[in-house]
Amino acid sequence: MARRRITYRKRSQNGLGIFLAVFVMVIICVVVAIRCVGLHSQLKSYEARSNDLQKEISAEKERSSEISDYAKYTQTDEYVEEIAREKLGLVKKGEIIFRNKSRE
């Protein structure tokens, strides 16, 4: 009879152990799933930010190209002549300037 009691106790202890192991596994799975959802939303946020930054980079590259083109243009005689006419009011030899009185 003593043998049967020992066997019975071992079976109940094994059942409790299995239950606890399954319970711990379920808790771990729930925690991992919740963390996964959080990481997924964070990933979407980072992808959106990356797309915004790529757009800014291409806009800045275009702006840089425009500045470079303007810098080259400022080194030309055409630019110097344009500035001399507009800002300084200079004219070429033999040229006549007509001014509108309403603008002055």
PDB file of N, CA and C in Angstrom:
ATOM      1  N   MET A   1       0.794  -1.180   0.000  1.00  0.00           N
ATOM      2  CA  MET A   1       0.000   0.000   0.000  1.00  0.00           C
ATOM      3  C   MET A   1       0.852   1.267   0.000  1.00  0.00           C
ATOM      4  N   ALA A   2       1.980   1.213   0.577  1.00  0.00           N
ATOM      5  CA  ALA A   2       2.876   2.369   0.623  1.00  0.00           C
ATOM      6  C   ALA A   2       3.364   2.736  -0.774  1.00  0.00           C
ATOM      7  N   ARG A   3       3.520   1.725  -1.599  1.00  0.00           N
ATOM      8  CA  ARG A   3       3.975   1.962  -2.965  1.00  0.00           C
ATOM      9  C   ARG A   3       2.950   2.743  -3.757  1.00  0.00           C
ATOM     10  N   ARG A   4       1.711   2.432  -3.601  1.00  0.00           N
ATOM     11  CA  ARG A   4       0.658   3.111  -4.352  1.00  0.00           C
ATOM     12  C   ARG A   4       0.567   4.578  -3.963  1.00  0.00           C
ATOM     13  N   ARG A   5       0.720   4.912  -2.728  1.00  0.00           N
ATOM     14  CA  ARG A   5       0.669   6.301  -2.282  1.00  0.00           C
ATOM     15  C   ARG A   5       1.822   7.106  -2.881  1.00  0.00           C
ATOM     16  N   ILE A   6       2.977   6.557  -2.916  1.00  0.00           N
ATOM     17  CA  ILE A   6       4.137   7.238  -3.499  1.00  0.00           C
ATOM     18  C   ILE A   6       3.902   7.478  -4.981  1.00  0.00           C
ATOM     19  N   THR A   7       3.391   6.507  -5.666  1.00  0.00           N
ATOM     20  CA  THR A   7       3.102   6.656  -7.092  1.00  0.00           C
ATOM     21  C   THR A   7       2.054   7.720  -7.314  1.00  0.00           C
ATOM     22  N   TYR A   8       1.041   7.739  -6.490  1.00  0.00           N
ATOM     23  CA  TYR A   8      -0.031   8.719  -6.615  1.00  0.00           C
ATOM     24  C   TYR A   8       0.514  10.130  -6.396  1.00  0.00           C
ATOM     25  N   ARG A   9       1.367  10.308  -5.413  1.00  0.00           N
ATOM     26  CA  ARG A   9       1.962  11.615  -5.138  1.00  0.00           C
ATOM     27  C   ARG A   9       2.836  12.072  -6.309  1.00  0.00           C
ATOM     28  N   LYS A  10       3.583  11.189  -6.869  1.00  0.00           N
ATOM     29  CA  LYS A  10       4.440  11.548  -7.997  1.00  0.00           C
ATOM     30  C   LYS A  10       3.607  11.995  -9.185  1.00  0.00           C
ATOM     31  N   ARG A  11       2.479  11.308  -9.441  1.00  0.00           N
ATOM     32  CA  ARG A  11       1.630  11.685 -10.576  1.00  0.00           C
ATOM     33  C   ARG A  11       1.033  13.072 -10.361  1.00  0.00           C
ATOM     34  N   SER A  12       0.592  13.373  -9.156  1.00  0.00           N
ATOM     35  CA  SER A  12      -0.002  14.690  -8.898  1.00  0.00           C
ATOM     36  C   SER A  12       1.062  15.776  -8.962  1.00  0.00           C
ATOM     37  N   GLN A  13       2.260  15.484  -8.529  1.00  0.00           N
ATOM     38  CA  GLN A  13       3.340  16.455  -8.628  1.00  0.00           C
ATOM     39  C   GLN A  13       3.723  16.685 -10.084  1.00  0.00           C
ATOM     40  N   ASN A  14       3.730  15.636 -10.874  1.00  0.00           N
ATOM     41  CA  ASN A  14       4.018  15.780 -12.304  1.00  0.00           C
ATOM     42  C   ASN A  14       2.941  16.609 -12.992  1.00  0.00           C
ATOM     43  N   GLY A  15       1.694  16.375 -12.643  1.00  0.00           N
ATOM     44  CA  GLY A  15       0.594  17.142 -13.232  1.00  0.00           C
ATOM     45  C   GLY A  15       0.707  18.616 -12.902  1.00  0.00           C
ATOM     46  N   LEU A  16       1.051  18.916 -11.649  1.00  0.00           N
ATOM     47  CA  LEU A  16       1.228  20.307 -11.227  1.00  0.00           C
ATOM     48  C   LEU A  16       2.415  20.940 -11.951  1.00  0.00           C
ATOM     49  N   GLY A  17       3.468  20.176 -12.081  1.00  0.00           N
ATOM     50  CA  GLY A  17       4.663  20.676 -12.792  1.00  0.00           C
ATOM     51  C   GLY A  17       4.361  20.976 -14.249  1.00  0.00           C
ATOM     52  N   ILE A  18       3.635  20.084 -14.897  1.00  0.00           N
ATOM     53  CA  ILE A  18       3.268  20.302 -16.298  1.00  0.00           C
ATOM     54  C   ILE A  18       2.359  21.520 -16.426  1.00  0.00           C
ATOM     55  N   PHE A  19       1.399  21.638 -15.497  1.00  0.00           N
ATOM     56  CA  PHE A  19       0.505  22.791 -15.521  1.00  0.00           C
ATOM     57  C   PHE A  19       1.287  24.095 -15.377  1.00  0.00           C
ATOM     58  N   LEU A  20       2.227  24.145 -14.445  1.00  0.00           N
ATOM     59  CA  LEU A  20       3.038  25.351 -14.241  1.00  0.00           C
ATOM     60  C   LEU A  20       3.906  25.658 -15.463  1.00  0.00           C
ATOM     61  N   ALA A  21       4.472  24.623 -16.058  1.00  0.00           N
ATOM     62  CA  ALA A  21       5.303  24.827 -17.251  1.00  0.00           C
ATOM     63  C   ALA A  21       4.465  25.375 -18.398  1.00  0.00           C
ATOM     64  N   VAL A  22       3.269  24.820 -18.594  1.00  0.00           N
ATOM     65  CA  VAL A  22       2.383  25.309 -19.660  1.00  0.00           C
ATOM     66  C   VAL A  22       1.953  26.742 -19.362  1.00  0.00           C
ATOM     67  N   PHE A  23       1.647  27.031 -18.101  1.00  0.00           N
ATOM     68  CA  PHE A  23       1.241  28.385 -17.710  1.00  0.00           C
ATOM     69  C   PHE A  23       2.353  29.403 -17.987  1.00  0.00           C
ATOM     70  N   VAL A  24       3.575  29.049 -17.633  1.00  0.00           N
ATOM     71  CA  VAL A  24       4.714  29.932 -17.882  1.00  0.00           C
ATOM     72  C   VAL A  24       4.908  30.144 -19.389  1.00  0.00           C
ATOM     73  N   MET A  25       4.766  29.082 -20.161  1.00  0.00           N
ATOM     74  CA  MET A  25       4.919  29.196 -21.623  1.00  0.00           C
ATOM     75  C   MET A  25       3.846  30.116 -22.214  1.00  0.00           C
ATOM     76  N   VAL A  26       2.622  29.998 -21.723  1.00  0.00           N
ATOM     77  CA  VAL A  26       1.538  30.856 -22.213  1.00  0.00           C
ATOM     78  C   VAL A  26       1.841  32.308 -21.876  1.00  0.00           C
ATOM     79  N   ILE A  27       2.281  32.566 -20.664  1.00  0.00           N
ATOM     80  CA  ILE A  27       2.632  33.940 -20.256  1.00  0.00           C
ATOM     81  C   ILE A  27       3.751  34.483 -21.145  1.00  0.00           C
ATOM     82  N   ILE A  28       4.762  33.688 -21.400  1.00  0.00           N
ATOM     83  CA  ILE A  28       5.868  34.125 -22.260  1.00  0.00           C
ATOM     84  C   ILE A  28       5.362  34.431 -23.671  1.00  0.00           C
ATOM     85  N   CYS A  29       4.494  33.572 -24.198  1.00  0.00           N
ATOM     86  CA  CYS A  29       3.944  33.802 -25.538  1.00  0.00           C
ATOM     87  C   CYS A  29       3.136  35.099 -25.600  1.00  0.00           C
ATOM     88  N   VAL A  30       2.353  35.374 -24.567  1.00  0.00           N
ATOM     89  CA  VAL A  30       1.558  36.610 -24.524  1.00  0.00           C
ATOM     90  C   VAL A  30       2.476  37.825 -24.481  1.00  0.00           C
ATOM     91  N   VAL A  31       3.506  37.767 -23.655  1.00  0.00           N
ATOM     92  CA  VAL A  31       4.447  38.888 -23.557  1.00  0.00           C
ATOM     93  C   VAL A  31       5.159  39.115 -24.895  1.00  0.00           C
ATOM     94  N   VAL A  32       5.593  38.053 -25.531  1.00  0.00           N
ATOM     95  CA  VAL A  32       6.265  38.163 -26.829  1.00  0.00           C
ATOM     96  C   VAL A  32       5.314  38.733 -27.879  1.00  0.00           C
ATOM     97  N   ALA A  33       4.070  38.301 -27.881  1.00  0.00           N
ATOM     98  CA  ALA A  33       3.090  38.812 -28.857  1.00  0.00           C
ATOM     99  C   ALA A  33       2.835  40.299 -28.654  1.00  0.00           C
ATOM    100  N   ILE A  34       2.699  40.714 -27.396  1.00  0.00           N
ATOM    101  CA  ILE A  34       2.477  42.135 -27.114  1.00  0.00           C
ATOM    102  C   ILE A  34       3.686  42.952 -27.544  1.00  0.00           C
ATOM    103  N   ARG A  35       4.848  42.473 -27.254  1.00  0.00           N
ATOM    104  CA  ARG A  35       6.092  43.175 -27.646  1.00  0.00           C
ATOM    105  C   ARG A  35       6.223  43.235 -29.158  1.00  0.00           C
ATOM    106  N   CYS A  36       5.819  42.178 -29.832  1.00  0.00           N
ATOM    107  CA  CYS A  36       5.880  42.119 -31.294  1.00  0.00           C
ATOM    108  C   CYS A  36       4.985  43.190 -31.912  1.00  0.00           C
ATOM    109  N   VAL A  37       3.796  43.363 -31.367  1.00  0.00           N
ATOM    110  CA  VAL A  37       2.877  44.388 -31.872  1.00  0.00           C
ATOM    111  C   VAL A  37       3.493  45.771 -31.683  1.00  0.00           C
ATOM    112  N   GLY A  38       4.086  46.019 -30.540  1.00  0.00           N
ATOM    113  CA  GLY A  38       4.742  47.298 -30.278  1.00  0.00           C
ATOM    114  C   GLY A  38       5.893  47.545 -31.236  1.00  0.00           C
ATOM    115  N   LEU A  39       6.687  46.524 -31.466  1.00  0.00           N
ATOM    116  CA  LEU A  39       7.817  46.665 -32.391  1.00  0.00           C
ATOM    117  C   LEU A  39       7.345  46.891 -33.824  1.00  0.00           C
ATOM    118  N   HIS A  40       6.234  46.255 -34.188  1.00  0.00           N
ATOM    119  CA  HIS A  40       5.699  46.435 -35.538  1.00  0.00           C
ATOM    120  C   HIS A  40       5.254  47.878 -35.763  1.00  0.00           C
ATOM    121  N   SER A  41       4.576  48.455 -34.784  1.00  0.00           N
ATOM    122  CA  SER A  41       4.142  49.852 -34.928  1.00  0.00           C
ATOM    123  C   SER A  41       5.348  50.787 -34.930  1.00  0.00           C
ATOM    124  N   GLN A  42       6.357  50.475 -34.162  1.00  0.00           N
ATOM    125  CA  GLN A  42       7.572  51.284 -34.140  1.00  0.00           C
ATOM    126  C   GLN A  42       8.290  51.191 -35.484  1.00  0.00           C
ATOM    127  N   LEU A  43       8.293  50.012 -36.087  1.00  0.00           N
ATOM    128  CA  LEU A  43       8.903  49.834 -37.399  1.00  0.00           C
ATOM    129  C   LEU A  43       8.194  50.680 -38.443  1.00  0.00           C
ATOM    130  N   LYS A  44       6.866  50.694 -38.425  1.00  0.00           N
ATOM    131  CA  LYS A  44       6.110  51.526 -39.362  1.00  0.00           C
ATOM    132  C   LYS A  44       6.452  52.998 -39.174  1.00  0.00           C
ATOM    133  N   SER A  45       6.589  53.414 -37.941  1.00  0.00           N
ATOM    134  CA  SER A  45       6.951  54.802 -37.638  1.00  0.00           C
ATOM    135  C   SER A  45       8.332  55.131 -38.220  1.00  0.00           C
ATOM    136  N   TYR A  46       9.276  54.228 -38.041  1.00  0.00           N
ATOM    137  CA  TYR A  46      10.620  54.437 -38.570  1.00  0.00           C
ATOM    138  C   TYR A  46      10.632  54.447 -40.099  1.00  0.00           C
ATOM    139  N   GLU A  47       9.829  53.590 -40.719  1.00  0.00           N
ATOM    140  CA  GLU A  47       9.758  53.574 -42.189  1.00  0.00           C
ATOM    141  C   GLU A  47       9.178  54.873 -42.721  1.00  0.00           C
ATOM    142  N   ALA A  48       8.152  55.399 -42.062  1.00  0.00           N
ATOM    143  CA  ALA A  48       7.565  56.676 -42.474  1.00  0.00           C
ATOM    144  C   ALA A  48       8.583  57.793 -42.324  1.00  0.00           C
ATOM    145  N   ARG A  49       9.320  57.792 -41.237  1.00  0.00           N
ATOM    146  CA  ARG A  49      10.357  58.814 -41.011  1.00  0.00           C
ATOM    147  C   ARG A  49      11.454  58.692 -42.065  1.00  0.00           C
ATOM    148  N   SER A  50      11.818  57.473 -42.406  1.00  0.00           N
ATOM    149  CA  SER A  50      12.835  57.240 -43.429  1.00  0.00           C
ATOM    150  C   SER A  50      12.376  57.784 -44.779  1.00  0.00           C
ATOM    151  N   ASN A  51      11.119  57.546 -45.126  1.00  0.00           N
ATOM    152  CA  ASN A  51      10.591  58.071 -46.389  1.00  0.00           C
ATOM    153  C   ASN A  51      10.602  59.592 -46.395  1.00  0.00           C
ATOM    154  N   ASP A  52      10.226  60.210 -45.269  1.00  0.00           N
ATOM    155  CA  ASP A  52      10.258  61.670 -45.177  1.00  0.00           C
ATOM    156  C   ASP A  52      11.680  62.200 -45.349  1.00  0.00           C
ATOM    157  N   LEU A  53      12.629  61.529 -44.722  1.00  0.00           N
ATOM    158  CA  LEU A  53      14.022  61.963 -44.829  1.00  0.00           C
ATOM    159  C   LEU A  53      14.555  61.786 -46.246  1.00  0.00           C
ATOM    160  N   GLN A  54      14.140  60.724 -46.928  1.00  0.00           N
ATOM    161  CA  GLN A  54      14.566  60.533 -48.316  1.00  0.00           C
ATOM    162  C   GLN A  54      14.032  61.653 -49.202  1.00  0.00           C
ATOM    163  N   LYS A  55      12.780  62.063 -48.961  1.00  0.00           N
ATOM    164  CA  LYS A  55      12.210  63.174 -49.721  1.00  0.00           C
ATOM    165  C   LYS A  55      12.981  64.462 -49.450  1.00  0.00           C
ATOM    166  N   GLU A  56      13.330  64.691 -48.184  1.00  0.00           N
ATOM    167  CA  GLU A  56      14.101  65.881 -47.838  1.00  0.00           C
ATOM    168  C   GLU A  56      15.479  65.854 -48.490  1.00  0.00           C
ATOM    169  N   ILE A  57      16.094  64.687 -48.520  1.00  0.00           N
ATOM    170  CA  ILE A  57      17.414  64.547 -49.136  1.00  0.00           C
ATOM    171  C   ILE A  57      17.346  64.885 -50.615  1.00  0.00           C
ATOM    172  N   SER A  58      16.339  64.348 -51.319  1.00  0.00           N
ATOM    173  CA  SER A  58      16.248  64.637 -52.752  1.00  0.00           C
ATOM    174  C   SER A  58      15.922  66.105 -52.994  1.00  0.00           C
ATOM    175  N   ALA A  59      15.112  66.729 -52.122  1.00  0.00           N
ATOM    176  CA  ALA A  59      14.821  68.156 -52.266  1.00  0.00           C
ATOM    177  C   ALA A  59      16.088  68.985 -52.049  1.00  0.00           C
ATOM    178  N   GLU A  60      16.882  68.584 -51.067  1.00  0.00           N
ATOM    179  CA  GLU A  60      18.124  69.315 -50.794  1.00  0.00           C
ATOM    180  C   GLU A  60      19.152  69.105 -51.911  1.00  0.00           C
ATOM    181  N   LYS A  61      19.176  67.933 -52.507  1.00  0.00           N
ATOM    182  CA  LYS A  61      20.077  67.704 -53.642  1.00  0.00           C
ATOM    183  C   LYS A  61      19.686  68.585 -54.820  1.00  0.00           C
ATOM    184  N   GLU A  62      18.373  68.702 -55.049  1.00  0.00           N
ATOM    185  CA  GLU A  62      17.886  69.567 -56.131  1.00  0.00           C
ATOM    186  C   GLU A  62      18.247  71.021 -55.834  1.00  0.00           C
ATOM    187  N   ARG A  63      18.057  71.422 -54.603  1.00  0.00           N
ATOM    188  CA  ARG A  63      18.390  72.797 -54.205  1.00  0.00           C
ATOM    189  C   ARG A  63      19.885  73.041 -54.360  1.00  0.00           C
ATOM    190  N   SER A  64      20.693  72.073 -53.977  1.00  0.00           N
ATOM    191  CA  SER A  64      22.143  72.182 -54.111  1.00  0.00           C
ATOM    192  C   SER A  64      22.542  72.331 -55.577  1.00  0.00           C
ATOM    193  N   SER A  65      21.864  71.573 -56.429  1.00  0.00           N
ATOM    194  CA  SER A  65      22.129  71.661 -57.869  1.00  0.00           C
ATOM    195  C   SER A  65      21.772  73.054 -58.399  1.00  0.00           C
ATOM    196  N   GLU A  66      20.634  73.588 -57.936  1.00  0.00           N
ATOM    197  CA  GLU A  66      20.234  74.928 -58.355  1.00  0.00           C
ATOM    198  C   GLU A  66      21.243  75.973 -57.885  1.00  0.00           C
ATOM    199  N   ILE A  67      21.728  75.829 -56.671  1.00  0.00           N
ATOM    200  CA  ILE A  67      22.727  76.764 -56.145  1.00  0.00           C
ATOM    201  C   ILE A  67      24.015  76.669 -56.936  1.00  0.00           C
ATOM    202  N   SER A  68      24.399  75.453 -57.270  1.00  0.00           N
ATOM    203  CA  SER A  68      25.612  75.249 -58.066  1.00  0.00           C
ATOM    204  C   SER A  68      25.465  75.900 -59.445  1.00  0.00           C
ATOM    205  N   ASP A  69      24.293  75.698 -60.065  1.00  0.00           N
ATOM    206  CA  ASP A  69      24.045  76.318 -61.376  1.00  0.00           C
ATOM    207  C   ASP A  69      24.058  77.839 -61.273  1.00  0.00           C
ATOM    208  N   TYR A  70      23.479  78.373 -60.199  1.00  0.00           N
ATOM    209  CA  TYR A  70      23.458  79.820 -60.018  1.00  0.00           C
ATOM    210  C   TYR A  70      24.872  80.351 -59.786  1.00  0.00           C
ATOM    211  N   ALA A  71      25.680  79.597 -59.042  1.00  0.00           N
ATOM    212  CA  ALA A  71      27.070  80.011 -58.810  1.00  0.00           C
ATOM    213  C   ALA A  71      27.843  80.076 -60.129  1.00  0.00           C
ATOM    214  N   LYS A  72      27.599  79.120 -61.001  1.00  0.00           N
ATOM    215  CA  LYS A  72      28.246  79.148 -62.318  1.00  0.00           C
ATOM    216  C   LYS A  72      27.751  80.336 -63.132  1.00  0.00           C
ATOM    217  N   TYR A  73      26.437  80.613 -63.036  1.00  0.00           N
ATOM    218  CA  TYR A  73      25.856  81.734 -63.780  1.00  0.00           C
ATOM    219  C   TYR A  73      26.420  83.073 -63.305  1.00  0.00           C
ATOM    220  N   THR A  74      26.690  83.192 -62.007  1.00  0.00           N
ATOM    221  CA  THR A  74      27.217  84.463 -61.491  1.00  0.00           C
ATOM    222  C   THR A  74      28.629  84.744 -61.993  1.00  0.00           C
ATOM    223  N   GLN A  75      29.294  83.753 -62.511  1.00  0.00           N
ATOM    224  CA  GLN A  75      30.652  83.940 -63.037  1.00  0.00           C
ATOM    225  C   GLN A  75      30.660  84.347 -64.511  1.00  0.00           C
ATOM    226  N   THR A  76      29.486  84.430 -65.133  1.00  0.00           N
ATOM    227  CA  THR A  76      29.420  84.761 -66.553  1.00  0.00           C
ATOM    228  C   THR A  76      29.314  86.262 -66.772  1.00  0.00           C
ATOM    229  N   ASP A  77      29.685  86.694 -67.979  1.00  0.00           N
ATOM    230  CA  ASP A  77      29.571  88.106 -68.356  1.00  0.00           C
ATOM    231  C   ASP A  77      28.108  88.529 -68.431  1.00  0.00           C
ATOM    232  N   GLU A  78      27.243  87.623 -68.807  1.00  0.00           N
ATOM    233  CA  GLU A  78      25.818  87.921 -68.898  1.00  0.00           C
ATOM    234  C   GLU A  78      25.263  88.355 -67.545  1.00  0.00           C
ATOM    235  N   TYR A  79      25.668  87.661 -66.494  1.00  0.00           N
ATOM    236  CA  TYR A  79      25.206  88.008 -65.147  1.00  0.00           C
ATOM    237  C   TYR A  79      25.745  89.380 -64.735  1.00  0.00           C
ATOM    238  N   VAL A  80      27.018  89.607 -64.990  1.00  0.00           N
ATOM    239  CA  VAL A  80      27.626  90.890 -64.628  1.00  0.00           C
ATOM    240  C   VAL A  80      26.909  92.027 -65.344  1.00  0.00           C
ATOM    241  N   GLU A  81      26.611  91.836 -66.626  1.00  0.00           N
ATOM    242  CA  GLU A  81      25.907  92.859 -67.395  1.00  0.00           C
ATOM    243  C   GLU A  81      24.494  93.078 -66.834  1.00  0.00           C
ATOM    244  N   GLU A  82      23.817  92.019 -66.506  1.00  0.00           N
ATOM    245  CA  GLU A  82      22.455  92.115 -65.955  1.00  0.00           C
ATOM    246  C   GLU A  82      22.450  92.896 -64.644  1.00  0.00           C
ATOM    247  N   ILE A  83      23.380  92.614 -63.773  1.00  0.00           N
ATOM    248  CA  ILE A  83      23.463  93.305 -62.484  1.00  0.00           C
ATOM    249  C   ILE A  83      23.834  94.768 -62.695  1.00  0.00           C
ATOM    250  N   ALA A  84      24.754  95.005 -63.608  1.00  0.00           N
ATOM    251  CA  ALA A  84      25.157  96.386 -63.885  1.00  0.00           C
ATOM    252  C   ALA A  84      23.967  97.191 -64.388  1.00  0.00           C
ATOM    253  N   ARG A  85      23.131  96.615 -65.210  1.00  0.00           N
ATOM    254  CA  ARG A  85      21.954  97.313 -65.737  1.00  0.00           C
ATOM    255  C   ARG A  85      20.890  97.515 -64.650  1.00  0.00           C
ATOM    256  N   GLU A  86      20.560  96.442 -63.933  1.00  0.00           N
ATOM    257  CA  GLU A  86      19.457  96.500 -62.976  1.00  0.00           C
ATOM    258  C   GLU A  86      19.815  97.233 -61.690  1.00  0.00           C
ATOM    259  N   LYS A  87      20.913  96.913 -61.085  1.00  0.00           N
ATOM    260  CA  LYS A  87      21.257  97.458 -59.771  1.00  0.00           C
ATOM    261  C   LYS A  87      21.991  98.802 -59.855  1.00  0.00           C
ATOM    262  N   LEU A  88      22.883  98.895 -60.822  1.00  0.00           N
ATOM    263  CA  LEU A  88      23.705 100.106 -60.902  1.00  0.00           C
ATOM    264  C   LEU A  88      23.181 101.121 -61.914  1.00  0.00           C
ATOM    265  N   GLY A  89      22.279 100.718 -62.785  1.00  0.00           N
ATOM    266  CA  GLY A  89      21.715 101.631 -63.783  1.00  0.00           C
ATOM    267  C   GLY A  89      22.664 101.968 -64.901  1.00  0.00           C
ATOM    268  N   LEU A  90      23.655 101.141 -65.135  1.00  0.00           N
ATOM    269  CA  LEU A  90      24.617 101.388 -66.205  1.00  0.00           C
ATOM    270  C   LEU A  90      24.028 100.998 -67.561  1.00  0.00           C
ATOM    271  N   VAL A  91      24.528 101.668 -68.616  1.00  0.00           N
ATOM    272  CA  VAL A  91      24.076 101.373 -69.979  1.00  0.00           C
ATOM    273  C   VAL A  91      25.283 101.212 -70.876  1.00  0.00           C
ATOM    274  N   LYS A  92      25.055 100.583 -72.021  1.00  0.00           N
ATOM    275  CA  LYS A  92      26.118 100.446 -73.007  1.00  0.00           C
ATOM    276  C   LYS A  92      26.247 101.756 -73.769  1.00  0.00           C
ATOM    277  N   LYS A  93      27.371 101.924 -74.419  1.00  0.00           N
ATOM    278  CA  LYS A  93      27.638 103.122 -75.201  1.00  0.00           C
ATOM    279  C   LYS A  93      26.590 103.251 -76.307  1.00  0.00           C
ATOM    280  N   GLY A  94      25.968 104.402 -76.415  1.00  0.00           N
ATOM    281  CA  GLY A  94      24.985 104.671 -77.452  1.00  0.00           C
ATOM    282  C   GLY A  94      23.595 104.156 -77.147  1.00  0.00           C
ATOM    283  N   GLU A  95      23.364 103.604 -75.970  1.00  0.00           N
ATOM    284  CA  GLU A  95      22.070 103.044 -75.601  1.00  0.00           C
ATOM    285  C   GLU A  95      21.212 104.126 -74.932  1.00  0.00           C
ATOM    286  N   ILE A  96      19.921 104.127 -75.226  1.00  0.00           N
ATOM    287  CA  ILE A  96      19.002 105.099 -74.645  1.00  0.00           C
ATOM    288  C   ILE A  96      18.059 104.364 -73.712  1.00  0.00           C
ATOM    289  N   ILE A  97      17.845 104.956 -72.509  1.00  0.00           N
ATOM    290  CA  ILE A  97      16.971 104.321 -71.529  1.00  0.00           C
ATOM    291  C   ILE A  97      15.682 105.126 -71.444  1.00  0.00           C
ATOM    292  N   PHE A  98      14.567 104.423 -71.523  1.00  0.00           N
ATOM    293  CA  PHE A  98      13.262 105.050 -71.345  1.00  0.00           C
ATOM    294  C   PHE A  98      12.727 104.604 -69.986  1.00  0.00           C
ATOM    295  N   ARG A  99      12.344 105.599 -69.169  1.00  0.00           N
ATOM    296  CA  ARG A  99      11.824 105.291 -67.842  1.00  0.00           C
ATOM    297  C   ARG A  99      10.361 105.659 -67.767  1.00  0.00           C
ATOM    298  N   ASN A 100       9.624 104.848 -67.064  1.00  0.00           N
ATOM    299  CA  ASN A 100       8.223 105.101 -66.821  1.00  0.00           C
ATOM    300  C   ASN A 100       8.097 105.921 -65.541  1.00  0.00           C
ATOM    301  N   LYS A 101       7.458 107.072 -65.592  1.00  0.00           N
ATOM    302  CA  LYS A 101       7.385 107.947 -64.427  1.00  0.00           C
ATOM    303  C   LYS A 101       6.552 107.348 -63.309  1.00  0.00           C
ATOM    304  N   SER A 102       5.604 106.488 -63.631  1.00  0.00           N
ATOM    305  CA  SER A 102       4.760 105.891 -62.601  1.00  0.00           C
ATOM    306  C   SER A 102       5.543 104.931 -61.708  1.00  0.00           C
ATOM    307  N   ARG A 103       6.604 104.391 -62.201  1.00  0.00           N
ATOM    308  CA  ARG A 103       7.422 103.446 -61.428  1.00  0.00           C
ATOM    309  C   ARG A 103       8.311 104.159 -60.425  1.00  0.00           C
ATOM    310  N   GLU A 104       8.645 105.395 -60.691  1.00  0.00           N
ATOM    311  CA  GLU A 104       9.587 106.103 -59.820  1.00  0.00           C
ATOM    312  C   GLU A 104       8.956 106.649 -58.607  1.00  0.00           C
TER     313      GLU A 104
END
